[in-house]
Amino acid sequence: MPESMLTQLASTGVVGVCLVLSLFALWRKDQEKNAESAARIADAQRMLDLAMTLQKDSTIAINALTALLTPKPAP
């Protein structure tokens, strides 16, 4: 928001000051929501990476156990 617009609103009296304060509060709330959203997205990406790593490790372990338990043909 341009500062000149806020200054002009504030110069109109109590109503203008209330509008400026309301606009500032809404702007701050929007900034907080954006930060929270970014944090949630980053957390979801970390959880996805962890889940994929766990799935890969589990698959490797199961394949190793299967190889151990598979009977070998007699020569």
PDB file of N, CA and C in Angstrom:
ATOM      1  N   MET A   1       0.832  -1.182   0.000  1.00  0.00           N
ATOM      2  CA  MET A   1       0.000   0.000   0.000  1.00  0.00           C
ATOM      3  C   MET A   1       0.874   1.242   0.000  1.00  0.00           C
ATOM      4  N   PRO A   2       0.515   2.176  -0.804  1.00  0.00           N
ATOM      5  CA  PRO A   2       1.293   3.420  -0.802  1.00  0.00           C
ATOM      6  C   PRO A   2       1.069   4.191   0.502  1.00  0.00           C
ATOM      7  N   GLU A   3       2.148   4.750   1.001  1.00  0.00           N
ATOM      8  CA  GLU A   3       2.057   5.487   2.259  1.00  0.00           C
ATOM      9  C   GLU A   3       1.226   6.756   2.116  1.00  0.00           C
ATOM     10  N   SER A   4       1.244   7.347   0.950  1.00  0.00           N
ATOM     11  CA  SER A   4       0.466   8.579   0.748  1.00  0.00           C
ATOM     12  C   SER A   4      -1.029   8.315   0.897  1.00  0.00           C
ATOM     13  N   MET A   5      -1.472   7.141   0.440  1.00  0.00           N
ATOM     14  CA  MET A   5      -2.880   6.793   0.567  1.00  0.00           C
ATOM     15  C   MET A   5      -3.242   6.608   2.038  1.00  0.00           C
ATOM     16  N   LEU A   6      -2.372   5.951   2.791  1.00  0.00           N
ATOM     17  CA  LEU A   6      -2.636   5.746   4.208  1.00  0.00           C
ATOM     18  C   LEU A   6      -2.618   7.066   4.958  1.00  0.00           C
ATOM     19  N   THR A   7      -1.704   7.934   4.593  1.00  0.00           N
ATOM     20  CA  THR A   7      -1.631   9.253   5.232  1.00  0.00           C
ATOM     21  C   THR A   7      -2.890  10.054   4.938  1.00  0.00           C
ATOM     22  N   GLN A   8      -3.367   9.972   3.722  1.00  0.00           N
ATOM     23  CA  GLN A   8      -4.584  10.702   3.346  1.00  0.00           C
ATOM     24  C   GLN A   8      -5.787  10.152   4.106  1.00  0.00           C
ATOM     25  N   LEU A   9      -5.877   8.820   4.246  1.00  0.00           N
ATOM     26  CA  LEU A   9      -6.975   8.236   5.010  1.00  0.00           C
ATOM     27  C   LEU A   9      -6.900   8.651   6.477  1.00  0.00           C
ATOM     28  N   ALA A  10      -5.699   8.629   7.027  1.00  0.00           N
ATOM     29  CA  ALA A  10      -5.537   8.973   8.432  1.00  0.00           C
ATOM     30  C   ALA A  10      -5.880  10.443   8.685  1.00  0.00           C
ATOM     31  N   SER A  11      -5.700  11.296   7.691  1.00  0.00           N
ATOM     32  CA  SER A  11      -5.983  12.720   7.876  1.00  0.00           C
ATOM     33  C   SER A  11      -7.478  13.030   7.849  1.00  0.00           C
ATOM     34  N   THR A  12      -8.305  12.059   7.509  1.00  0.00           N
ATOM     35  CA  THR A  12      -9.758  12.305   7.450  1.00  0.00           C
ATOM     36  C   THR A  12     -10.422  12.190   8.806  1.00  0.00           C
ATOM     37  N   GLY A  13      -9.672  11.883   9.829  1.00  0.00           N
ATOM     38  CA  GLY A  13     -10.259  11.837  11.171  1.00  0.00           C
ATOM     39  C   GLY A  13     -10.256  10.434  11.739  1.00  0.00           C
ATOM     40  N   VAL A  14     -11.155  10.254  12.689  1.00  0.00           N
ATOM     41  CA  VAL A  14     -11.219   8.986  13.424  1.00  0.00           C
ATOM     42  C   VAL A  14     -11.566   7.825  12.487  1.00  0.00           C
ATOM     43  N   VAL A  15     -12.465   8.048  11.562  1.00  0.00           N
ATOM     44  CA  VAL A  15     -12.856   6.985  10.627  1.00  0.00           C
ATOM     45  C   VAL A  15     -11.664   6.577   9.767  1.00  0.00           C
ATOM     46  N   GLY A  16     -10.920   7.532   9.307  1.00  0.00           N
ATOM     47  CA  GLY A  16      -9.743   7.232   8.499  1.00  0.00           C
ATOM     48  C   GLY A  16      -8.693   6.470   9.281  1.00  0.00           C
ATOM     49  N   VAL A  17      -8.491   6.873  10.537  1.00  0.00           N
ATOM     50  CA  VAL A  17      -7.519   6.163  11.378  1.00  0.00           C
ATOM     51  C   VAL A  17      -7.974   4.729  11.607  1.00  0.00           C
ATOM     52  N   CYS A  18      -9.276   4.543  11.855  1.00  0.00           N
ATOM     53  CA  CYS A  18      -9.807   3.186  12.034  1.00  0.00           C
ATOM     54  C   CYS A  18      -9.620   2.351  10.769  1.00  0.00           C
ATOM     55  N   LEU A  19      -9.847   2.956   9.609  1.00  0.00           N
ATOM     56  CA  LEU A  19      -9.639   2.238   8.350  1.00  0.00           C
ATOM     57  C   LEU A  19      -8.177   1.851   8.166  1.00  0.00           C
ATOM     58  N   VAL A  20      -7.284   2.769   8.468  1.00  0.00           N
ATOM     59  CA  VAL A  20      -5.856   2.478   8.333  1.00  0.00           C
ATOM     60  C   VAL A  20      -5.464   1.349   9.266  1.00  0.00           C
ATOM     61  N   LEU A  21      -5.910   1.403  10.510  1.00  0.00           N
ATOM     62  CA  LEU A  21      -5.590   0.337  11.467  1.00  0.00           C
ATOM     63  C   LEU A  21      -6.176  -1.001  11.030  1.00  0.00           C
ATOM     64  N   SER A  22      -7.403  -0.962  10.490  1.00  0.00           N
ATOM     65  CA  SER A  22      -8.032  -2.198  10.012  1.00  0.00           C
ATOM     66  C   SER A  22      -7.271  -2.786   8.828  1.00  0.00           C
ATOM     67  N   LEU A  23      -6.889  -1.921   7.901  1.00  0.00           N
ATOM     68  CA  LEU A  23      -6.126  -2.392   6.749  1.00  0.00           C
ATOM     69  C   LEU A  23      -4.777  -2.965   7.174  1.00  0.00           C
ATOM     70  N   PHE A  24      -4.131  -2.312   8.119  1.00  0.00           N
ATOM     71  CA  PHE A  24      -2.852  -2.818   8.613  1.00  0.00           C
ATOM     72  C   PHE A  24      -3.023  -4.171   9.298  1.00  0.00           C
ATOM     73  N   ALA A  25      -4.085  -4.314  10.101  1.00  0.00           N
ATOM     74  CA  ALA A  25      -4.333  -5.589  10.786  1.00  0.00           C
ATOM     75  C   ALA A  25      -4.612  -6.704   9.775  1.00  0.00           C
ATOM     76  N   LEU A  26      -5.383  -6.397   8.753  1.00  0.00           N
ATOM     77  CA  LEU A  26      -5.660  -7.399   7.714  1.00  0.00           C
ATOM     78  C   LEU A  26      -4.398  -7.779   6.955  1.00  0.00           C
ATOM     79  N   TRP A  27      -3.566  -6.797   6.665  1.00  0.00           N
ATOM     80  CA  TRP A  27      -2.313  -7.076   5.965  1.00  0.00           C
ATOM     81  C   TRP A  27      -1.414  -7.982   6.796  1.00  0.00           C
ATOM     82  N   ARG A  28      -1.301  -7.685   8.118  1.00  0.00           N
ATOM     83  CA  ARG A  28      -0.475  -8.512   9.007  1.00  0.00           C
ATOM     84  C   ARG A  28      -1.030  -9.937   9.094  1.00  0.00           C
ATOM     85  N   LYS A  29      -2.341 -10.052   9.186  1.00  0.00           N
ATOM     86  CA  LYS A  29      -2.963 -11.371   9.267  1.00  0.00           C
ATOM     87  C   LYS A  29      -2.685 -12.167   7.990  1.00  0.00           C
ATOM     88  N   ASP A  30      -2.752 -11.496   6.851  1.00  0.00           N
ATOM     89  CA  ASP A  30      -2.465 -12.156   5.581  1.00  0.00           C
ATOM     90  C   ASP A  30      -1.012 -12.629   5.541  1.00  0.00           C
ATOM     91  N   GLN A  31      -0.090 -11.811   6.028  1.00  0.00           N
ATOM     92  CA  GLN A  31       1.319 -12.200   6.072  1.00  0.00           C
ATOM     93  C   GLN A  31       1.519 -13.421   6.972  1.00  0.00           C
ATOM     94  N   GLU A  32       0.847 -13.451   8.114  1.00  0.00           N
ATOM     95  CA  GLU A  32       0.957 -14.587   9.025  1.00  0.00           C
ATOM     96  C   GLU A  32       0.397 -15.855   8.391  1.00  0.00           C
ATOM     97  N   LYS A  33      -0.734 -15.731   7.697  1.00  0.00           N
ATOM     98  CA  LYS A  33      -1.319 -16.892   7.019  1.00  0.00           C
ATOM     99  C   LYS A  33      -0.392 -17.427   5.933  1.00  0.00           C
ATOM    100  N   ASN A  34       0.235 -16.528   5.185  1.00  0.00           N
ATOM    101  CA  ASN A  34       1.169 -16.962   4.150  1.00  0.00           C
ATOM    102  C   ASN A  34       2.360 -17.689   4.757  1.00  0.00           C
ATOM    103  N   ALA A  35       2.857 -17.183   5.872  1.00  0.00           N
ATOM    104  CA  ALA A  35       3.989 -17.839   6.538  1.00  0.00           C
ATOM    105  C   ALA A  35       3.571 -19.213   7.067  1.00  0.00           C
ATOM    106  N   GLU A  36       2.381 -19.298   7.634  1.00  0.00           N
ATOM    107  CA  GLU A  36       1.897 -20.583   8.147  1.00  0.00           C
ATOM    108  C   GLU A  36       1.707 -21.574   7.001  1.00  0.00           C
ATOM    109  N   SER A  37       1.170 -21.107   5.901  1.00  0.00           N
ATOM    110  CA  SER A  37       0.965 -21.970   4.738  1.00  0.00           C
ATOM    111  C   SER A  37       2.295 -22.502   4.210  1.00  0.00           C
ATOM    112  N   ALA A  38       3.288 -21.645   4.127  1.00  0.00           N
ATOM    113  CA  ALA A  38       4.607 -22.078   3.660  1.00  0.00           C
ATOM    114  C   ALA A  38       5.209 -23.102   4.615  1.00  0.00           C
ATOM    115  N   ALA A  39       5.017 -22.906   5.917  1.00  0.00           N
ATOM    116  CA  ALA A  39       5.536 -23.859   6.897  1.00  0.00           C
ATOM    117  C   ALA A  39       4.831 -25.206   6.773  1.00  0.00           C
ATOM    118  N   ARG A  40       3.542 -25.190   6.543  1.00  0.00           N
ATOM    119  CA  ARG A  40       2.797 -26.455   6.378  1.00  0.00           C
ATOM    120  C   ARG A  40       3.244 -27.204   5.122  1.00  0.00           C
ATOM    121  N   ILE A  41       3.474 -26.465   4.048  1.00  0.00           N
ATOM    122  CA  ILE A  41       3.932 -27.097   2.810  1.00  0.00           C
ATOM    123  C   ILE A  41       5.309 -27.719   3.008  1.00  0.00           C
ATOM    124  N   ALA A  42       6.206 -27.005   3.676  1.00  0.00           N
ATOM    125  CA  ALA A  42       7.546 -27.540   3.939  1.00  0.00           C
ATOM    126  C   ALA A  42       7.467 -28.784   4.817  1.00  0.00           C
ATOM    127  N   ASP A  43       6.583 -28.766   5.820  1.00  0.00           N
ATOM    128  CA  ASP A  43       6.422 -29.924   6.690  1.00  0.00           C
ATOM    129  C   ASP A  43       5.869 -31.117   5.912  1.00  0.00           C
ATOM    130  N   ALA A  44       4.919 -30.873   5.038  1.00  0.00           N
ATOM    131  CA  ALA A  44       4.358 -31.955   4.225  1.00  0.00           C
ATOM    132  C   ALA A  44       5.417 -32.549   3.296  1.00  0.00           C
ATOM    133  N   GLN A  45       6.280 -31.706   2.750  1.00  0.00           N
ATOM    134  CA  GLN A  45       7.343 -32.212   1.874  1.00  0.00           C
ATOM    135  C   GLN A  45       8.336 -33.062   2.660  1.00  0.00           C
ATOM    136  N   ARG A  46       8.668 -32.633   3.884  1.00  0.00           N
ATOM    137  CA  ARG A  46       9.575 -33.437   4.719  1.00  0.00           C
ATOM    138  C   ARG A  46       8.949 -34.784   5.060  1.00  0.00           C
ATOM    139  N   MET A  47       7.656 -34.791   5.377  1.00  0.00           N
ATOM    140  CA  MET A  47       6.969 -36.047   5.707  1.00  0.00           C
ATOM    141  C   MET A  47       6.907 -36.969   4.494  1.00  0.00           C
ATOM    142  N   LEU A  48       6.690 -36.409   3.318  1.00  0.00           N
ATOM    143  CA  LEU A  48       6.665 -37.214   2.100  1.00  0.00           C
ATOM    144  C   LEU A  48       8.031 -37.837   1.843  1.00  0.00           C
ATOM    145  N   ASP A  49       9.085 -37.056   2.012  1.00  0.00           N
ATOM    146  CA  ASP A  49      10.441 -37.584   1.833  1.00  0.00           C
ATOM    147  C   ASP A  49      10.719 -38.706   2.830  1.00  0.00           C
ATOM    148  N   LEU A  50      10.296 -38.509   4.079  1.00  0.00           N
ATOM    149  CA  LEU A  50      10.497 -39.543   5.099  1.00  0.00           C
ATOM    150  C   LEU A  50       9.722 -40.807   4.751  1.00  0.00           C
ATOM    151  N   ALA A  51       8.478 -40.658   4.313  1.00  0.00           N
ATOM    152  CA  ALA A  51       7.662 -41.815   3.952  1.00  0.00           C
ATOM    153  C   ALA A  51       8.273 -42.574   2.779  1.00  0.00           C
ATOM    154  N   MET A  52       8.768 -41.843   1.797  1.00  0.00           N
ATOM    155  CA  MET A  52       9.378 -42.512   0.646  1.00  0.00           C
ATOM    156  C   MET A  52      10.656 -43.244   1.051  1.00  0.00           C
ATOM    157  N   THR A  53      11.450 -42.657   1.932  1.00  0.00           N
ATOM    158  CA  THR A  53      12.669 -43.309   2.408  1.00  0.00           C
ATOM    159  C   THR A  53      12.330 -44.573   3.192  1.00  0.00           C
ATOM    160  N   LEU A  54      11.321 -44.476   4.060  1.00  0.00           N
ATOM    161  CA  LEU A  54      10.916 -45.654   4.836  1.00  0.00           C
ATOM    162  C   LEU A  54      10.388 -46.762   3.927  1.00  0.00           C
ATOM    163  N   GLN A  55       9.619 -46.393   2.908  1.00  0.00           N
ATOM    164  CA  GLN A  55       9.101 -47.397   1.982  1.00  0.00           C
ATOM    165  C   GLN A  55      10.238 -48.063   1.212  1.00  0.00           C
ATOM    166  N   LYS A  56      11.210 -47.279   0.772  1.00  0.00           N
ATOM    167  CA  LYS A  56      12.353 -47.837   0.042  1.00  0.00           C
ATOM    168  C   LYS A  56      13.144 -48.780   0.938  1.00  0.00           C
ATOM    169  N   ASP A  57      13.407 -48.364   2.181  1.00  0.00           N
ATOM    170  CA  ASP A  57      14.159 -49.211   3.104  1.00  0.00           C
ATOM    171  C   ASP A  57      13.404 -50.496   3.431  1.00  0.00           C
ATOM    172  N   SER A  58      12.075 -50.390   3.590  1.00  0.00           N
ATOM    173  CA  SER A  58      11.269 -51.580   3.861  1.00  0.00           C
ATOM    174  C   SER A  58      11.299 -52.545   2.686  1.00  0.00           C
ATOM    175  N   THR A  59      11.210 -52.021   1.480  1.00  0.00           N
ATOM    176  CA  THR A  59      11.250 -52.871   0.293  1.00  0.00           C
ATOM    177  C   THR A  59      12.597 -53.583   0.183  1.00  0.00           C
ATOM    178  N   ILE A  60      13.670 -52.875   0.449  1.00  0.00           N
ATOM    179  CA  ILE A  60      15.000 -53.488   0.411  1.00  0.00           C
ATOM    180  C   ILE A  60      15.108 -54.594   1.457  1.00  0.00           C
ATOM    181  N   ALA A  61      14.614 -54.342   2.656  1.00  0.00           N
ATOM    182  CA  ALA A  61      14.684 -55.339   3.730  1.00  0.00           C
ATOM    183  C   ALA A  61      13.847 -56.568   3.393  1.00  0.00           C
ATOM    184  N   ILE A  62      12.660 -56.364   2.854  1.00  0.00           N
ATOM    185  CA  ILE A  62      11.800 -57.498   2.501  1.00  0.00           C
ATOM    186  C   ILE A  62      12.423 -58.306   1.378  1.00  0.00           C
ATOM    187  N   ASN A  63      13.025 -57.643   0.399  1.00  0.00           N
ATOM    188  CA  ASN A  63      13.691 -58.366  -0.689  1.00  0.00           C
ATOM    189  C   ASN A  63      14.868 -59.184  -0.163  1.00  0.00           C
ATOM    190  N   ALA A  64      15.615 -58.631   0.792  1.00  0.00           N
ATOM    191  CA  ALA A  64      16.739 -59.364   1.366  1.00  0.00           C
ATOM    192  C   ALA A  64      16.242 -60.585   2.139  1.00  0.00           C
ATOM    193  N   LEU A  65      15.159 -60.436   2.920  1.00  0.00           N
ATOM    194  CA  LEU A  65      14.622 -61.561   3.654  1.00  0.00           C
ATOM    195  C   LEU A  65      14.044 -62.624   2.714  1.00  0.00           C
ATOM    196  N   THR A  66      13.398 -62.177   1.649  1.00  0.00           N
ATOM    197  CA  THR A  66      12.864 -63.116   0.669  1.00  0.00           C
ATOM    198  C   THR A  66      13.991 -63.909   0.022  1.00  0.00           C
ATOM    199  N   ALA A  67      15.082 -63.265  -0.294  1.00  0.00           N
ATOM    200  CA  ALA A  67      16.219 -63.945  -0.901  1.00  0.00           C
ATOM    201  C   ALA A  67      16.796 -64.983   0.063  1.00  0.00           C
ATOM    202  N   LEU A  68      16.783 -64.677   1.342  1.00  0.00           N
ATOM    203  CA  LEU A  68      17.298 -65.643   2.330  1.00  0.00           C
ATOM    204  C   LEU A  68      16.388 -66.848   2.473  1.00  0.00           C
ATOM    205  N   LEU A  69      15.093 -66.649   2.371  1.00  0.00           N
ATOM    206  CA  LEU A  69      14.133 -67.726   2.614  1.00  0.00           C
ATOM    207  C   LEU A  69      13.760 -68.496   1.362  1.00  0.00           C
ATOM    208  N   THR A  70      14.151 -68.044   0.206  1.00  0.00           N
ATOM    209  CA  THR A  70      13.844 -68.749  -1.031  1.00  0.00           C
ATOM    210  C   THR A  70      14.734 -69.978  -1.125  1.00  0.00           C
ATOM    211  N   PRO A  71      14.125 -71.157  -1.291  1.00  0.00           N
ATOM    212  CA  PRO A  71      14.939 -72.369  -1.390  1.00  0.00           C
ATOM    213  C   PRO A  71      15.727 -72.387  -2.689  1.00  0.00           C
ATOM    214  N   LYS A  72      16.957 -72.801  -2.571  1.00  0.00           N
ATOM    215  CA  LYS A  72      17.835 -72.923  -3.747  1.00  0.00           C
ATOM    216  C   LYS A  72      17.667 -74.343  -4.305  1.00  0.00           C
ATOM    217  N   PRO A  73      17.671 -74.473  -5.618  1.00  0.00           N
ATOM    218  CA  PRO A  73      17.568 -75.817  -6.213  1.00  0.00           C
ATOM    219  C   PRO A  73      18.831 -76.638  -5.904  1.00  0.00           C
ATOM    220  N   ALA A  74      18.607 -77.885  -5.636  1.00  0.00           N
ATOM    221  CA  ALA A  74      19.733 -78.786  -5.334  1.00  0.00           C
ATOM    222  C   ALA A  74      20.541 -79.052  -6.602  1.00  0.00           C
ATOM    223  N   PRO A  75      21.863 -79.087  -6.483  1.00  0.00           N
ATOM    224  CA  PRO A  75      22.695 -79.342  -7.662  1.00  0.00           C
ATOM    225  C   PRO A  75      22.702 -80.802  -8.056  1.00  0.00           C
TER     226      PRO A  75
END
